[in-house]
Amino acid sequence: MGGWKKALAVVTALAISGNAWAKSSITWMTADLPPATIFEGDMAGGGFAEQQLKVLFAALPDYDHQIVKGTIARNWHELETRDGVCFNWVTHNGASHWNAVFSKRPVLNPGYRMAVRASRLTEFMPFASTGDVDLSLLAKDDTFSGGVIASRDYLPAINGFIGSDSRQAKMQKAMNGPQLLELLHANRVDFIFASPSEVKFYRETLHLNDEFAVLKVKGTPIYNEGYIACSSGALGKEVMAKIDAYLDRPEGWSAYVAPLQRWLDPSDYAFAAASRGR
């Protein structure tokens, strides 16, 4: 065989070998949702969902993992229109996101609650005689004012309070999390609706000295379910099967949940770590 033929044979063999061992690429879409994902500031890249991705990448070494930043709408569009796309820390809404497969085991993280300044906690106790704040009682008191993020879906109980025509308690709207906590810090509102983890995050990043108390709200889910979602094509299903197998192992689940410990109260973290979802 001539020299050029031998060289061609070697190149061909290497190409075939390389293709045989080429890794499939998985694109992980992310959105700026502190403290799950943090795009800016001193803690950029250190969100708990971002740390969870590092755990998954180490557990799935047979794939090339790429992280892409986007909006929630863009992330879902990518996931539902091409294979090999995943999205961590999402809710399971099958009616809206039919072209996706979800992890079997979600993380149960605290749902939206009411945050108040700790120094004024006793003022809200009359509305929480059963342990949780009763918004139907608070709605009748025109001496209190609250804050919400304008574009956020707080789920039925809180949404109903915000949208009630008979509500006497006044409400102010903020554009984002920092503005919301600043309203409470500046005494422009008496309470806000937020997740405990974002209250802790913005208190820290805004360097606020106030102590805040977080109260459960009657009629709201105590915990939200945070899933992993992947495209429903062959590659997405393959990856999800491996994710499910990893999270089903005690050591896998422990490693995946561990990043939340920094942002949750001990009782909430213990519940998330021990839970198995629905």
Protein backbone atom coordinates (compact mmCIF):
# COMPACT_ATOMS: atom_id res chain seq x y z
CA MET A 1 0.00 0.00 0.00
CA GLY A 2 1.35 3.42 -0.93
CA GLY A 3 2.34 5.92 1.73
CA TRP A 4 -0.60 8.21 1.03
CA LYS A 5 -3.01 5.27 1.24
CA LYS A 6 -1.57 4.27 4.62
CA ALA A 7 -1.92 7.84 5.85
CA LEU A 8 -5.51 8.01 4.63
CA ALA A 9 -6.27 4.73 6.37
CA VAL A 10 -4.85 6.05 9.65
CA VAL A 11 -6.84 9.30 9.40
CA THR A 12 -10.02 7.38 8.62
CA ALA A 13 -9.47 5.02 11.55
CA LEU A 14 -8.85 7.92 13.89
CA ALA A 15 -11.99 9.69 12.67
CA ILE A 16 -14.08 6.58 13.19
CA SER A 17 -12.55 6.09 16.63
CA GLY A 18 -13.16 9.71 17.53
CA ASN A 19 -16.79 9.55 16.45
CA ALA A 20 -17.30 6.36 18.42
CA TRP A 21 -16.11 8.07 21.60
CA ALA A 22 -17.61 11.52 21.00
CA LYS A 23 -19.74 12.71 23.89
CA SER A 24 -23.28 13.95 23.41
CA SER A 25 -23.69 17.61 24.35
CA ILE A 26 -26.25 18.71 26.94
CA THR A 27 -27.26 22.39 27.10
CA TRP A 28 -28.39 23.59 30.53
CA MET A 29 -30.53 26.73 30.31
CA THR A 30 -30.47 29.10 33.29
CA ALA A 31 -32.34 32.25 34.31
CA ASP A 32 -31.36 34.97 36.80
CA LEU A 33 -33.33 33.86 39.89
CA PRO A 34 -31.30 34.61 43.06
CA PRO A 35 -30.31 32.83 45.14
CA ALA A 36 -30.98 29.78 42.92
CA THR A 37 -28.98 31.30 40.07
CA ILE A 38 -26.95 34.48 40.50
CA PHE A 39 -25.75 36.31 37.39
CA GLU A 40 -24.26 39.46 38.95
CA GLY A 41 -22.37 40.68 42.00
CA ASP A 42 -19.84 39.13 44.34
CA MET A 43 -21.76 35.84 44.49
CA ALA A 44 -22.22 35.46 40.71
CA GLY A 45 -22.21 31.79 39.76
CA GLY A 46 -22.63 30.68 43.36
CA GLY A 47 -26.39 30.13 43.45
CA PHE A 48 -27.63 26.87 44.91
CA ALA A 49 -29.07 25.70 41.56
CA GLU A 50 -25.73 26.47 39.93
CA GLN A 51 -23.95 24.41 42.58
CA GLN A 52 -26.44 21.61 41.97
CA LEU A 53 -25.48 21.64 38.29
CA LYS A 54 -21.86 21.03 39.26
CA VAL A 55 -23.00 17.98 41.22
CA LEU A 56 -24.93 16.68 38.21
CA PHE A 57 -22.03 17.33 35.83
CA ALA A 58 -19.72 15.26 38.03
CA ALA A 59 -22.33 12.50 38.21
CA LEU A 60 -22.80 12.48 34.41
CA PRO A 61 -19.25 12.52 32.98
CA ASP A 62 -20.31 10.81 29.73
CA TYR A 63 -21.75 14.10 28.41
CA ASP A 64 -20.35 17.49 27.50
CA HIS A 65 -22.29 20.00 29.63
CA GLN A 66 -22.79 23.61 28.51
CA ILE A 67 -24.51 26.37 30.50
CA VAL A 68 -26.47 29.05 28.62
CA LYS A 69 -28.01 32.12 30.26
CA GLY A 70 -31.45 33.27 29.13
CA THR A 71 -34.91 34.32 30.18
CA ILE A 72 -37.42 31.77 31.45
CA ALA A 73 -39.44 32.11 28.22
CA ARG A 74 -36.37 31.53 26.05
CA ASN A 75 -35.27 28.59 28.21
CA TRP A 76 -38.57 26.79 27.76
CA HIS A 77 -38.58 27.53 24.04
CA GLU A 78 -35.14 25.95 23.66
CA LEU A 79 -36.11 22.93 25.73
CA GLU A 80 -39.32 22.29 23.83
CA THR A 81 -37.94 22.77 20.32
CA ARG A 82 -34.69 20.78 20.29
CA ASP A 83 -33.28 17.72 22.00
CA GLY A 84 -30.47 17.67 24.52
CA VAL A 85 -31.66 20.71 26.51
CA CYS A 86 -32.31 20.71 30.27
CA PHE A 87 -33.40 23.29 32.83
CA ASN A 88 -32.81 22.98 36.58
CA TRP A 89 -35.10 24.22 39.37
CA VAL A 90 -38.47 24.46 37.62
CA THR A 91 -42.09 23.84 38.54
CA HIS A 92 -43.94 20.94 36.96
CA ASN A 93 -46.71 22.42 34.86
CA GLY A 94 -47.64 19.71 32.41
CA ALA A 95 -50.42 21.76 30.86
CA SER A 96 -47.99 24.48 29.76
CA HIS A 97 -44.87 22.42 29.17
CA TRP A 98 -46.04 19.24 27.53
CA ASN A 99 -42.88 18.63 25.49
CA ALA A 100 -40.61 17.95 28.48
CA VAL A 101 -39.70 15.15 30.87
CA PHE A 102 -39.30 15.92 34.56
CA SER A 103 -37.22 14.38 37.31
CA LYS A 104 -39.09 11.90 39.46
CA ARG A 105 -37.86 13.42 42.70
CA PRO A 106 -38.27 17.18 43.28
CA VAL A 107 -36.66 19.25 45.99
CA LEU A 108 -39.28 20.64 48.35
CA ASN A 109 -38.28 24.23 49.10
CA PRO A 110 -40.21 26.82 51.14
CA GLY A 111 -43.06 28.50 49.30
CA TYR A 112 -43.97 32.19 49.38
CA ARG A 113 -44.42 33.53 52.90
CA MET A 114 -44.93 36.85 54.62
CA ALA A 115 -41.84 38.71 55.78
CA VAL A 116 -41.99 41.43 58.45
CA ARG A 117 -39.45 43.26 60.51
CA ALA A 118 -38.65 41.10 63.55
CA SER A 119 -39.13 44.07 65.86
CA ARG A 120 -42.80 44.26 64.75
CA LEU A 121 -43.59 40.56 64.81
CA THR A 122 -46.07 40.85 67.71
CA GLU A 123 -48.23 43.26 65.67
CA PHE A 124 -49.03 40.42 63.26
CA MET A 125 -49.84 37.78 65.86
CA PRO A 126 -53.59 38.67 65.94
CA PHE A 127 -53.74 37.55 62.29
CA ALA A 128 -52.03 34.24 63.06
CA SER A 129 -54.04 32.74 65.90
CA THR A 130 -53.90 29.31 64.21
CA GLY A 131 -50.16 29.53 63.55
CA ASP A 132 -50.32 30.81 59.96
CA VAL A 133 -51.25 34.33 58.87
CA ASP A 134 -54.92 34.51 57.88
CA LEU A 135 -55.09 36.95 54.98
CA SER A 136 -58.87 37.25 55.27
CA LEU A 137 -58.32 38.93 58.65
CA LEU A 138 -55.44 41.09 57.47
CA ALA A 139 -57.50 42.27 54.49
CA LYS A 140 -59.95 43.98 56.88
CA ASP A 141 -57.29 46.13 58.54
CA ASP A 142 -56.55 49.41 56.75
CA THR A 143 -53.65 50.29 59.06
CA PHE A 144 -51.26 47.86 57.35
CA SER A 145 -49.62 48.02 53.93
CA GLY A 146 -47.78 45.33 52.01
CA GLY A 147 -45.44 44.88 49.06
CA VAL A 148 -45.33 42.44 46.13
CA ILE A 149 -43.43 42.01 42.87
CA ALA A 150 -45.76 43.20 40.12
CA SER A 151 -45.18 40.40 37.62
CA ARG A 152 -45.02 37.47 40.06
CA ASP A 153 -47.56 34.67 40.39
CA TYR A 154 -47.95 34.12 44.14
CA LEU A 155 -50.47 31.27 43.74
CA PRO A 156 -54.21 31.40 44.61
CA ALA A 157 -54.31 32.35 48.30
CA ILE A 158 -51.94 35.31 48.03
CA ASN A 159 -53.10 36.25 44.52
CA GLY A 160 -56.67 36.40 45.84
CA PHE A 161 -55.62 38.72 48.66
CA ILE A 162 -53.70 41.00 46.28
CA GLY A 163 -56.55 41.19 43.75
CA SER A 164 -59.45 41.48 46.20
CA ASP A 165 -61.76 44.46 45.64
CA SER A 166 -62.75 44.44 49.32
CA ARG A 167 -59.18 44.43 50.68
CA GLN A 168 -58.59 47.41 52.98
CA ALA A 169 -54.91 46.76 53.60
CA LYS A 170 -52.94 48.81 51.09
CA MET A 171 -50.46 47.25 48.61
CA GLN A 172 -47.44 48.59 46.75
CA LYS A 173 -45.78 46.95 43.76
CA ALA A 174 -42.05 46.53 43.18
CA MET A 175 -40.27 45.55 40.00
CA ASN A 176 -37.85 43.05 41.53
CA GLY A 177 -36.55 41.42 44.70
CA PRO A 178 -34.12 44.16 45.80
CA GLN A 179 -36.80 46.85 45.46
CA LEU A 180 -39.23 44.69 47.42
CA LEU A 181 -36.94 44.21 50.40
CA GLU A 182 -35.91 47.87 50.31
CA LEU A 183 -39.58 48.82 50.71
CA LEU A 184 -39.72 46.81 53.92
CA HIS A 185 -36.33 48.06 55.13
CA ALA A 186 -37.31 51.71 54.53
CA ASN A 187 -40.61 51.32 56.44
CA ARG A 188 -42.61 52.11 53.32
CA VAL A 189 -44.57 48.86 53.82
CA ASP A 190 -45.30 46.73 56.87
CA PHE A 191 -44.92 43.34 55.20
CA ILE A 192 -43.94 41.72 51.91
CA PHE A 193 -44.59 38.38 50.24
CA ALA A 194 -41.40 36.55 49.29
CA SER A 195 -39.59 33.24 49.61
CA PRO A 196 -37.41 32.85 52.73
CA SER A 197 -34.30 32.23 50.65
CA GLU A 198 -34.64 35.47 48.67
CA VAL A 199 -35.22 37.46 51.87
CA LYS A 200 -31.96 36.05 53.22
CA PHE A 201 -30.14 36.67 49.94
CA TYR A 202 -31.19 40.29 49.49
CA ARG A 203 -30.69 41.11 53.15
CA GLU A 204 -27.09 39.97 52.69
CA THR A 205 -26.38 41.53 49.29
CA LEU A 206 -28.03 44.85 50.22
CA HIS A 207 -26.11 44.90 53.53
CA LEU A 208 -29.24 45.49 55.60
CA ASN A 209 -29.01 45.46 59.38
CA ASP A 210 -32.70 44.73 59.96
CA GLU A 211 -33.74 41.31 61.23
CA PHE A 212 -36.73 39.85 59.40
CA ALA A 213 -39.26 37.27 60.53
CA VAL A 214 -40.85 35.01 57.92
CA LEU A 215 -44.39 33.75 58.55
CA LYS A 216 -46.33 31.00 56.83
CA VAL A 217 -49.57 32.04 55.13
CA LYS A 218 -52.80 30.11 55.58
CA GLY A 219 -53.97 28.37 52.41
CA THR A 220 -50.63 28.51 50.57
CA PRO A 221 -48.41 25.49 49.85
CA ILE A 222 -45.86 25.21 52.63
CA TYR A 223 -43.32 23.94 50.12
CA ASN A 224 -42.84 24.31 46.37
CA GLU A 225 -41.53 21.50 44.18
CA GLY A 226 -38.30 22.21 42.32
CA TYR A 227 -37.75 19.79 39.42
CA ILE A 228 -35.19 19.19 36.72
CA ALA A 229 -36.71 19.25 33.22
CA CYS A 230 -35.21 17.97 29.96
CA SER A 231 -36.33 17.81 26.35
CA SER A 232 -38.54 14.81 25.60
CA GLY A 233 -36.43 13.51 22.71
CA ALA A 234 -34.25 10.41 22.92
CA LEU A 235 -31.26 12.27 24.36
CA GLY A 236 -33.31 14.17 26.94
CA LYS A 237 -34.98 10.99 28.14
CA GLU A 238 -31.63 9.21 28.31
CA VAL A 239 -30.14 11.96 30.47
CA MET A 240 -33.18 12.14 32.72
CA ALA A 241 -33.09 8.39 33.33
CA LYS A 242 -29.51 8.74 34.55
CA ILE A 243 -30.39 11.77 36.69
CA ASP A 244 -33.27 9.86 38.30
CA ALA A 245 -30.99 6.91 39.03
CA TYR A 246 -28.40 9.21 40.61
CA LEU A 247 -30.91 11.12 42.76
CA ASP A 248 -32.42 7.84 43.93
CA ARG A 249 -29.13 6.97 45.62
CA PRO A 250 -28.85 8.36 49.19
CA GLU A 251 -25.39 9.78 48.54
CA GLY A 252 -26.56 11.34 45.26
CA TRP A 253 -29.58 12.98 46.84
CA SER A 254 -27.51 14.25 49.78
CA ALA A 255 -24.96 15.87 47.44
CA TYR A 256 -27.68 17.42 45.25
CA VAL A 257 -29.60 18.96 48.17
CA ALA A 258 -26.53 20.16 50.12
CA PRO A 259 -26.19 23.58 48.33
CA LEU A 260 -29.55 24.68 49.78
CA GLN A 261 -28.26 24.52 53.35
CA ARG A 262 -26.71 27.98 53.10
CA TRP A 263 -30.06 29.60 52.26
CA LEU A 264 -32.65 27.68 54.29
CA ASP A 265 -33.50 27.63 57.98
CA PRO A 266 -32.43 24.34 59.60
CA SER A 267 -35.99 23.01 59.78
CA ASP A 268 -36.69 23.78 56.12
CA TYR A 269 -33.39 22.25 55.05
CA ALA A 270 -34.00 19.11 57.10
CA PHE A 271 -37.42 18.75 55.46
CA ALA A 272 -36.00 19.21 51.96
CA ALA A 273 -33.19 16.74 52.59
CA ALA A 274 -35.51 14.05 53.98
CA SER A 275 -38.43 14.44 51.57
CA ARG A 276 -39.23 12.27 48.56
CA GLY A 277 -41.82 14.56 46.97
CA ARG A 278 -45.18 13.33 45.82
